[in-house]
Amino acid sequence: GKQRRILNLTDNSEKPLGQWNTVIIECKGNTIKI
């Protein structure tokens, strides 16, 4: 019931449906980058 979603910073970073996307998630200490 809480607001748990945090919007990302960009639009149109994904490829068209059916194409391969690459996501990189970096976890270092208490930081996370995507």
PDB file of all heavy atoms in Angstrom:
ATOM      1  N   GLY A   1       0.776  -1.225   0.000  1.00  0.00           N
ATOM      2  CA  GLY A   1       0.000   0.000   0.000  1.00  0.00           C
ATOM      3  C   GLY A   1       0.812   1.281   0.000  1.00  0.00           C
ATOM      4  O   GLY A   1       0.241   2.375  -0.096  1.00  0.00           O
ATOM      5  N   LYS A   2       2.126   1.191   0.087  1.00  0.00           N
ATOM      6  CA  LYS A   2       2.981   2.374   0.114  1.00  0.00           C
ATOM      7  C   LYS A   2       3.518   2.685  -1.290  1.00  0.00           C
ATOM      8  O   LYS A   2       3.473   1.855  -2.199  1.00  0.00           O
ATOM      9  CB  LYS A   2       4.149   2.162   1.074  1.00  0.00           C
ATOM     10  CG  LYS A   2       3.729   1.958   2.530  1.00  0.00           C
ATOM     11  CD  LYS A   2       3.085   3.214   3.101  1.00  0.00           C
ATOM     12  CE  LYS A   2       2.771   3.057   4.578  1.00  0.00           C
ATOM     13  NZ  LYS A   2       2.178   4.289   5.151  1.00  0.00           N
ATOM     14  N   GLN A   3       4.022   3.910  -1.441  1.00  0.00           N
ATOM     15  CA  GLN A   3       4.602   4.306  -2.715  1.00  0.00           C
ATOM     16  C   GLN A   3       6.022   3.753  -2.784  1.00  0.00           C
ATOM     17  O   GLN A   3       6.963   4.305  -2.234  1.00  0.00           O
ATOM     18  CB  GLN A   3       4.611   5.826  -2.846  1.00  0.00           C
ATOM     19  CG  GLN A   3       5.158   6.359  -4.163  1.00  0.00           C
ATOM     20  CD  GLN A   3       4.510   5.744  -5.384  1.00  0.00           C
ATOM     21  OE1 GLN A   3       5.018   4.754  -5.923  1.00  0.00           O
ATOM     22  NE2 GLN A   3       3.371   6.277  -5.811  1.00  0.00           N
ATOM     23  N   ARG A   4       6.173   2.641  -3.484  1.00  0.00           N
ATOM     24  CA  ARG A   4       7.445   1.924  -3.527  1.00  0.00           C
ATOM     25  C   ARG A   4       8.189   2.110  -4.847  1.00  0.00           C
ATOM     26  O   ARG A   4       9.343   1.736  -4.957  1.00  0.00           O
ATOM     27  CB  ARG A   4       7.197   0.425  -3.290  1.00  0.00           C
ATOM     28  CG  ARG A   4       6.552   0.114  -1.941  1.00  0.00           C
ATOM     29  CD  ARG A   4       6.350  -1.387  -1.726  1.00  0.00           C
ATOM     30  NE  ARG A   4       5.384  -1.951  -2.661  1.00  0.00           N
ATOM     31  CZ  ARG A   4       5.691  -2.703  -3.717  1.00  0.00           C
ATOM     32  NH1 ARG A   4       6.949  -2.995  -3.983  1.00  0.00           N
ATOM     33  NH2 ARG A   4       4.747  -3.169  -4.513  1.00  0.00           N
ATOM     34  N   ARG A   5       7.547   2.711  -5.817  1.00  0.00           N
ATOM     35  CA  ARG A   5       8.147   2.889  -7.135  1.00  0.00           C
ATOM     36  C   ARG A   5       8.908   4.213  -7.216  1.00  0.00           C
ATOM     37  O   ARG A   5       8.399   5.253  -6.797  1.00  0.00           O
ATOM     38  CB  ARG A   5       7.067   2.866  -8.209  1.00  0.00           C
ATOM     39  CG  ARG A   5       7.585   3.017  -9.634  1.00  0.00           C
ATOM     40  CD  ARG A   5       6.427   3.168 -10.605  1.00  0.00           C
ATOM     41  NE  ARG A   5       6.870   3.191 -11.987  1.00  0.00           N
ATOM     42  CZ  ARG A   5       6.082   3.501 -13.018  1.00  0.00           C
ATOM     43  NH1 ARG A   5       4.796   3.795 -12.804  1.00  0.00           N
ATOM     44  NH2 ARG A   5       6.557   3.511 -14.244  1.00  0.00           N
ATOM     45  N   ILE A   6      10.119   4.162  -7.774  1.00  0.00           N
ATOM     46  CA  ILE A   6      10.919   5.355  -8.026  1.00  0.00           C
ATOM     47  C   ILE A   6      11.223   5.393  -9.518  1.00  0.00           C
ATOM     48  O   ILE A   6      11.925   4.529 -10.048  1.00  0.00           O
ATOM     49  CB  ILE A   6      12.225   5.344  -7.208  1.00  0.00           C
ATOM     50  CG1 ILE A   6      11.921   5.230  -5.712  1.00  0.00           C
ATOM     51  CG2 ILE A   6      13.033   6.604  -7.497  1.00  0.00           C
ATOM     52  CD1 ILE A   6      13.151   5.085  -4.836  1.00  0.00           C
ATOM     53  N   LEU A   7      10.684   6.401 -10.197  1.00  0.00           N
ATOM     54  CA  LEU A   7      10.783   6.466 -11.649  1.00  0.00           C
ATOM     55  C   LEU A   7      12.227   6.620 -12.110  1.00  0.00           C
ATOM     56  O   LEU A   7      13.046   7.271 -11.464  1.00  0.00           O
ATOM     57  CB  LEU A   7       9.960   7.637 -12.183  1.00  0.00           C
ATOM     58  CG  LEU A   7       8.450   7.580 -11.929  1.00  0.00           C
ATOM     59  CD1 LEU A   7       7.797   8.867 -12.409  1.00  0.00           C
ATOM     60  CD2 LEU A   7       7.828   6.376 -12.614  1.00  0.00           C
ATOM     61  N   ASN A   8      12.522   6.028 -13.266  1.00  0.00           N
ATOM     62  CA  ASN A   8      13.855   6.189 -13.846  1.00  0.00           C
ATOM     63  C   ASN A   8      13.988   7.560 -14.510  1.00  0.00           C
ATOM     64  O   ASN A   8      13.025   8.315 -14.618  1.00  0.00           O
ATOM     65  CB  ASN A   8      14.166   5.040 -14.810  1.00  0.00           C
ATOM     66  CG  ASN A   8      13.366   5.117 -16.090  1.00  0.00           C
ATOM     67  OD1 ASN A   8      13.657   5.924 -16.972  1.00  0.00           O
ATOM     68  ND2 ASN A   8      12.363   4.265 -16.227  1.00  0.00           N
ATOM     69  N   LEU A   9      15.201   7.872 -14.969  1.00  0.00           N
ATOM     70  CA  LEU A   9      15.532   9.222 -15.410  1.00  0.00           C
ATOM     71  C   LEU A   9      15.294   9.482 -16.897  1.00  0.00           C
ATOM     72  O   LEU A   9      15.349  10.635 -17.330  1.00  0.00           O
ATOM     73  CB  LEU A   9      17.013   9.502 -15.104  1.00  0.00           C
ATOM     74  CG  LEU A   9      17.401   9.544 -13.624  1.00  0.00           C
ATOM     75  CD1 LEU A   9      18.924   9.488 -13.491  1.00  0.00           C
ATOM     76  CD2 LEU A   9      16.839  10.780 -12.963  1.00  0.00           C
ATOM     77  N   THR A  10      15.074   8.443 -17.681  1.00  0.00           N
ATOM     78  CA  THR A  10      15.037   8.647 -19.127  1.00  0.00           C
ATOM     79  C   THR A  10      13.822   7.995 -19.764  1.00  0.00           C
ATOM     80  O   THR A  10      13.167   7.134 -19.183  1.00  0.00           O
ATOM     81  CB  THR A  10      16.293   8.049 -19.796  1.00  0.00           C
ATOM     82  OG1 THR A  10      16.262   6.620 -19.642  1.00  0.00           O
ATOM     83  CG2 THR A  10      17.563   8.603 -19.186  1.00  0.00           C
ATOM     84  N   ASP A  11      13.549   8.409 -20.973  1.00  0.00           N
ATOM     85  CA  ASP A  11      12.557   7.748 -21.819  1.00  0.00           C
ATOM     86  C   ASP A  11      13.263   7.209 -23.065  1.00  0.00           C
ATOM     87  O   ASP A  11      14.344   7.661 -23.435  1.00  0.00           O
ATOM     88  CB  ASP A  11      11.466   8.731 -22.254  1.00  0.00           C
ATOM     89  CG  ASP A  11      10.603   9.183 -21.083  1.00  0.00           C
ATOM     90  OD1 ASP A  11      10.276   8.327 -20.241  1.00  0.00           O
ATOM     91  OD2 ASP A  11      10.284  10.382 -20.999  1.00  0.00           O
ATOM     92  N   ASN A  12      12.645   6.233 -23.699  1.00  0.00           N
ATOM     93  CA  ASN A  12      13.127   5.716 -24.981  1.00  0.00           C
ATOM     94  C   ASN A  12      14.524   5.094 -24.918  1.00  0.00           C
ATOM     95  O   ASN A  12      15.256   5.092 -25.905  1.00  0.00           O
ATOM     96  CB  ASN A  12      13.116   6.827 -26.041  1.00  0.00           C
ATOM     97  CG  ASN A  12      11.743   7.439 -26.215  1.00  0.00           C
ATOM     98  OD1 ASN A  12      10.742   6.731 -26.271  1.00  0.00           O
ATOM     99  ND2 ASN A  12      11.694   8.762 -26.283  1.00  0.00           N
ATOM    100  N   SER A  13      14.883   4.537 -23.751  1.00  0.00           N
ATOM    101  CA  SER A  13      16.180   3.855 -23.647  1.00  0.00           C
ATOM    102  C   SER A  13      16.084   2.394 -24.080  1.00  0.00           C
ATOM    103  O   SER A  13      17.109   1.761 -24.328  1.00  0.00           O
ATOM    104  CB  SER A  13      16.705   3.941 -22.215  1.00  0.00           C
ATOM    105  OG  SER A  13      15.749   3.441 -21.299  1.00  0.00           O
ATOM    106  N   GLU A  14      14.882   1.863 -24.185  1.00  0.00           N
ATOM    107  CA  GLU A  14      14.692   0.468 -24.587  1.00  0.00           C
ATOM    108  C   GLU A  14      14.599   0.341 -26.104  1.00  0.00           C
ATOM    109  O   GLU A  14      14.220   1.284 -26.800  1.00  0.00           O
ATOM    110  CB  GLU A  14      13.415  -0.087 -23.958  1.00  0.00           C
ATOM    111  CG  GLU A  14      13.434  -0.128 -22.445  1.00  0.00           C
ATOM    112  CD  GLU A  14      12.062  -0.420 -21.874  1.00  0.00           C
ATOM    113  OE1 GLU A  14      11.480  -1.456 -22.239  1.00  0.00           O
ATOM    114  OE2 GLU A  14      11.560   0.389 -21.080  1.00  0.00           O
ATOM    115  N   LYS A  15      14.914  -0.853 -26.592  1.00  0.00           N
ATOM    116  CA  LYS A  15      14.800  -1.138 -28.010  1.00  0.00           C
ATOM    117  C   LYS A  15      13.380  -1.594 -28.335  1.00  0.00           C
ATOM    118  O   LYS A  15      12.618  -1.967 -27.441  1.00  0.00           O
ATOM    119  CB  LYS A  15      15.827  -2.192 -28.415  1.00  0.00           C
ATOM    120  CG  LYS A  15      17.266  -1.694 -28.271  1.00  0.00           C
ATOM    121  CD  LYS A  15      18.268  -2.734 -28.720  1.00  0.00           C
ATOM    122  CE  LYS A  15      19.686  -2.211 -28.573  1.00  0.00           C
ATOM    123  NZ  LYS A  15      20.701  -3.209 -28.984  1.00  0.00           N
ATOM    124  N   PRO A  16      12.999  -1.583 -29.597  1.00  0.00           N
ATOM    125  CA  PRO A  16      11.656  -2.019 -29.975  1.00  0.00           C
ATOM    126  C   PRO A  16      11.360  -3.436 -29.505  1.00  0.00           C
ATOM    127  O   PRO A  16      12.269  -4.263 -29.376  1.00  0.00           O
ATOM    128  CB  PRO A  16      11.663  -1.920 -31.501  1.00  0.00           C
ATOM    129  CG  PRO A  16      12.693  -0.885 -31.801  1.00  0.00           C
ATOM    130  CD  PRO A  16      13.752  -1.071 -30.760  1.00  0.00           C
ATOM    131  N   LEU A  17      10.104  -3.705 -29.265  1.00  0.00           N
ATOM    132  CA  LEU A  17       9.666  -5.007 -28.788  1.00  0.00           C
ATOM    133  C   LEU A  17      10.223  -6.124 -29.674  1.00  0.00           C
ATOM    134  O   LEU A  17      10.174  -6.046 -30.896  1.00  0.00           O
ATOM    135  CB  LEU A  17       8.135  -5.065 -28.781  1.00  0.00           C
ATOM    136  CG  LEU A  17       7.509  -6.322 -28.186  1.00  0.00           C
ATOM    137  CD1 LEU A  17       7.789  -6.395 -26.694  1.00  0.00           C
ATOM    138  CD2 LEU A  17       6.002  -6.337 -28.442  1.00  0.00           C
ATOM    139  N   GLY A  18      10.754  -7.160 -29.028  1.00  0.00           N
ATOM    140  CA  GLY A  18      11.307  -8.298 -29.740  1.00  0.00           C
ATOM    141  C   GLY A  18      12.810  -8.233 -29.913  1.00  0.00           C
ATOM    142  O   GLY A  18      13.449  -9.268 -30.159  1.00  0.00           O
ATOM    143  N   GLN A  19      13.390  -7.046 -29.780  1.00  0.00           N
ATOM    144  CA  GLN A  19      14.844  -6.909 -29.870  1.00  0.00           C
ATOM    145  C   GLN A  19      15.476  -7.080 -28.489  1.00  0.00           C
ATOM    146  O   GLN A  19      14.825  -6.920 -27.461  1.00  0.00           O
ATOM    147  CB  GLN A  19      15.219  -5.550 -30.462  1.00  0.00           C
ATOM    148  CG  GLN A  19      14.787  -5.358 -31.898  1.00  0.00           C
ATOM    149  CD  GLN A  19      15.316  -4.064 -32.507  1.00  0.00           C
ATOM    150  OE1 GLN A  19      16.287  -3.484 -32.042  1.00  0.00           O
ATOM    151  NE2 GLN A  19      14.655  -3.607 -33.558  1.00  0.00           N
ATOM    152  N   TRP A  20      16.780  -7.390 -28.485  1.00  0.00           N
ATOM    153  CA  TRP A  20      17.479  -7.635 -27.243  1.00  0.00           C
ATOM    154  C   TRP A  20      17.890  -6.327 -26.579  1.00  0.00           C
ATOM    155  O   TRP A  20      18.418  -5.429 -27.228  1.00  0.00           O
ATOM    156  CB  TRP A  20      18.731  -8.483 -27.487  1.00  0.00           C
ATOM    157  CG  TRP A  20      18.400  -9.888 -27.873  1.00  0.00           C
ATOM    158  CD1 TRP A  20      18.388 -10.418 -29.128  1.00  0.00           C
ATOM    159  CD2 TRP A  20      18.018 -10.948 -26.990  1.00  0.00           C
ATOM    160  NE1 TRP A  20      18.025 -11.736 -29.095  1.00  0.00           N
ATOM    161  CE2 TRP A  20      17.796 -12.101 -27.789  1.00  0.00           C
ATOM    162  CE3 TRP A  20      17.852 -11.044 -25.602  1.00  0.00           C
ATOM    163  CZ2 TRP A  20      17.418 -13.326 -27.256  1.00  0.00           C
ATOM    164  CZ3 TRP A  20      17.477 -12.263 -25.062  1.00  0.00           C
ATOM    165  CH2 TRP A  20      17.256 -13.378 -25.881  1.00  0.00           C
ATOM    166  N   ASN A  21      17.626  -6.243 -25.285  1.00  0.00           N
ATOM    167  CA  ASN A  21      18.053  -5.124 -24.456  1.00  0.00           C
ATOM    168  C   ASN A  21      19.177  -5.579 -23.527  1.00  0.00           C
ATOM    169  O   ASN A  21      19.217  -6.742 -23.114  1.00  0.00           O
ATOM    170  CB  ASN A  21      16.902  -4.599 -23.592  1.00  0.00           C
ATOM    171  CG  ASN A  21      15.812  -3.959 -24.414  1.00  0.00           C
ATOM    172  OD1 ASN A  21      15.956  -2.839 -24.891  1.00  0.00           O
ATOM    173  ND2 ASN A  21      14.704  -4.673 -24.593  1.00  0.00           N
ATOM    174  N   THR A  22      20.052  -4.661 -23.188  1.00  0.00           N
ATOM    175  CA  THR A  22      21.102  -4.930 -22.214  1.00  0.00           C
ATOM    176  C   THR A  22      20.917  -4.017 -21.013  1.00  0.00           C
ATOM    177  O   THR A  22      20.879  -2.786 -21.158  1.00  0.00           O
ATOM    178  CB  THR A  22      22.498  -4.686 -22.818  1.00  0.00           C
ATOM    179  OG1 THR A  22      22.704  -5.566 -23.921  1.00  0.00           O
ATOM    180  CG2 THR A  22      23.580  -4.942 -21.769  1.00  0.00           C
ATOM    181  N   VAL A  23      20.760  -4.615 -19.854  1.00  0.00           N
ATOM    182  CA  VAL A  23      20.681  -3.836 -18.616  1.00  0.00           C
ATOM    183  C   VAL A  23      21.891  -4.187 -17.762  1.00  0.00           C
ATOM    184  O   VAL A  23      22.273  -5.355 -17.654  1.00  0.00           O
ATOM    185  CB  VAL A  23      19.365  -4.108 -17.855  1.00  0.00           C
ATOM    186  CG1 VAL A  23      19.214  -5.558 -17.454  1.00  0.00           C
ATOM    187  CG2 VAL A  23      19.267  -3.218 -16.613  1.00  0.00           C
ATOM    188  N   ILE A  24      22.517  -3.162 -17.207  1.00  0.00           N
ATOM    189  CA  ILE A  24      23.636  -3.340 -16.291  1.00  0.00           C
ATOM    190  C   ILE A  24      23.249  -2.762 -14.946  1.00  0.00           C
ATOM    191  O   ILE A  24      22.787  -1.617 -14.863  1.00  0.00           O
ATOM    192  CB  ILE A  24      24.911  -2.666 -16.827  1.00  0.00           C
ATOM    193  CG1 ILE A  24      25.382  -3.361 -18.102  1.00  0.00           C
ATOM    194  CG2 ILE A  24      26.017  -2.682 -15.765  1.00  0.00           C
ATOM    195  CD1 ILE A  24      26.573  -2.695 -18.768  1.00  0.00           C
ATOM    196  N   ILE A  25      23.405  -3.557 -13.915  1.00  0.00           N
ATOM    197  CA  ILE A  25      23.079  -3.139 -12.545  1.00  0.00           C
ATOM    198  C   ILE A  25      24.369  -3.204 -11.735  1.00  0.00           C
ATOM    199  O   ILE A  25      24.956  -4.275 -11.588  1.00  0.00           O
ATOM    200  CB  ILE A  25      22.012  -4.057 -11.922  1.00  0.00           C
ATOM    201  CG1 ILE A  25      20.782  -4.154 -12.829  1.00  0.00           C
ATOM    202  CG2 ILE A  25      21.616  -3.549 -10.536  1.00  0.00           C
ATOM    203  CD1 ILE A  25      19.845  -5.286 -12.470  1.00  0.00           C
ATOM    204  N   GLU A  26      24.789  -2.067 -11.250  1.00  0.00           N
ATOM    205  CA  GLU A  26      26.020  -2.008 -10.459  1.00  0.00           C
ATOM    206  C   GLU A  26      25.675  -1.774  -8.993  1.00  0.00           C
ATOM    207  O   GLU A  26      25.058  -0.767  -8.643  1.00  0.00           O
ATOM    208  CB  GLU A  26      26.927  -0.893 -10.964  1.00  0.00           C
ATOM    209  CG  GLU A  26      28.255  -0.812 -10.222  1.00  0.00           C
ATOM    210  CD  GLU A  26      29.131   0.311 -10.723  1.00  0.00           C
ATOM    211  OE1 GLU A  26      29.794   0.112 -11.764  1.00  0.00           O
ATOM    212  OE2 GLU A  26      29.134   1.392 -10.088  1.00  0.00           O
ATOM    213  N   CYS A  27      26.061  -2.718  -8.167  1.00  0.00           N
ATOM    214  CA  CYS A  27      25.838  -2.632  -6.723  1.00  0.00           C
ATOM    215  C   CYS A  27      27.199  -2.481  -6.047  1.00  0.00           C
ATOM    216  O   CYS A  27      28.030  -3.393  -6.117  1.00  0.00           O
ATOM    217  CB  CYS A  27      25.142  -3.890  -6.207  1.00  0.00           C
ATOM    218  SG  CYS A  27      23.523  -4.189  -6.945  1.00  0.00           S
ATOM    219  N   LYS A  28      27.418  -1.342  -5.435  1.00  0.00           N
ATOM    220  CA  LYS A  28      28.700  -1.066  -4.780  1.00  0.00           C
ATOM    221  C   LYS A  28      28.425  -0.396  -3.451  1.00  0.00           C
ATOM    222  O   LYS A  28      27.903   0.718  -3.408  1.00  0.00           O
ATOM    223  CB  LYS A  28      29.573  -0.188  -5.670  1.00  0.00           C
ATOM    224  CG  LYS A  28      31.008  -0.047  -5.175  1.00  0.00           C
ATOM    225  CD  LYS A  28      31.856   0.692  -6.191  1.00  0.00           C
ATOM    226  CE  LYS A  28      33.307   0.761  -5.744  1.00  0.00           C
ATOM    227  NZ  LYS A  28      34.152   1.489  -6.739  1.00  0.00           N
ATOM    228  N   GLY A  29      28.751  -1.094  -2.359  1.00  0.00           N
ATOM    229  CA  GLY A  29      28.408  -0.568  -1.041  1.00  0.00           C
ATOM    230  C   GLY A  29      26.899  -0.412  -0.931  1.00  0.00           C
ATOM    231  O   GLY A  29      26.150  -1.352  -1.202  1.00  0.00           O
ATOM    232  N   ASN A  30      26.462   0.783  -0.594  1.00  0.00           N
ATOM    233  CA  ASN A  30      25.025   1.057  -0.460  1.00  0.00           C
ATOM    234  C   ASN A  30      24.476   1.874  -1.623  1.00  0.00           C
ATOM    235  O   ASN A  30      23.466   2.574  -1.488  1.00  0.00           O
ATOM    236  CB  ASN A  30      24.742   1.760   0.866  1.00  0.00           C
ATOM    237  CG  ASN A  30      25.042   0.881   2.057  1.00  0.00           C
ATOM    238  OD1 ASN A  30      26.067   1.028   2.714  1.00  0.00           O
ATOM    239  ND2 ASN A  30      24.156  -0.063   2.343  1.00  0.00           N
ATOM    240  N   THR A  31      25.154   1.793  -2.776  1.00  0.00           N
ATOM    241  CA  THR A  31      24.672   2.474  -3.969  1.00  0.00           C
ATOM    242  C   THR A  31      24.291   1.455  -5.040  1.00  0.00           C
ATOM    243  O   THR A  31      24.856   0.368  -5.110  1.00  0.00           O
ATOM    244  CB  THR A  31      25.728   3.431  -4.563  1.00  0.00           C
ATOM    245  OG1 THR A  31      26.824   2.666  -5.075  1.00  0.00           O
ATOM    246  CG2 THR A  31      26.227   4.399  -3.515  1.00  0.00           C
ATOM    247  N   ILE A  32      23.330   1.819  -5.868  1.00  0.00           N
ATOM    248  CA  ILE A  32      22.923   0.993  -7.002  1.00  0.00           C
ATOM    249  C   ILE A  32      22.765   1.902  -8.210  1.00  0.00           C
ATOM    250  O   ILE A  32      22.093   2.938  -8.131  1.00  0.00           O
ATOM    251  CB  ILE A  32      21.598   0.246  -6.728  1.00  0.00           C
ATOM    252  CG1 ILE A  32      21.714  -0.661  -5.506  1.00  0.00           C
ATOM    253  CG2 ILE A  32      21.195  -0.568  -7.959  1.00  0.00           C
ATOM    254  CD1 ILE A  32      20.403  -1.341  -5.127  1.00  0.00           C
ATOM    255  N   LYS A  33      23.382   1.517  -9.331  1.00  0.00           N
ATOM    256  CA  LYS A  33      23.218   2.234 -10.584  1.00  0.00           C
ATOM    257  C   LYS A  33      22.666   1.276 -11.630  1.00  0.00           C
ATOM    258  O   LYS A  33      22.994   0.089 -11.620  1.00  0.00           O
ATOM    259  CB  LYS A  33      24.562   2.796 -11.074  1.00  0.00           C
ATOM    260  CG  LYS A  33      25.187   3.834 -10.160  1.00  0.00           C
ATOM    261  CD  LYS A  33      26.518   4.318 -10.740  1.00  0.00           C
ATOM    262  CE  LYS A  33      27.193   5.326  -9.827  1.00  0.00           C
ATOM    263  NZ  LYS A  33      28.503   5.776 -10.383  1.00  0.00           N
ATOM    264  N   ILE A  34      21.843   1.809 -12.533  1.00  0.00           N
ATOM    265  CA  ILE A  34      21.259   0.993 -13.593  1.00  0.00           C
ATOM    266  C   ILE A  34      21.475   1.673 -14.939  1.00  0.00           C
ATOM    267  O   ILE A  34      21.173   2.863 -15.101  1.00  0.00           O
ATOM    268  CB  ILE A  34      19.743   0.774 -13.377  1.00  0.00           C
ATOM    269  CG1 ILE A  34      19.455   0.164 -12.007  1.00  0.00           C
ATOM    270  CG2 ILE A  34      19.164  -0.113 -14.476  1.00  0.00           C
ATOM    271  CD1 ILE A  34      17.976   0.060 -11.689  1.00  0.00           C
TER     272      ILE A  34
END
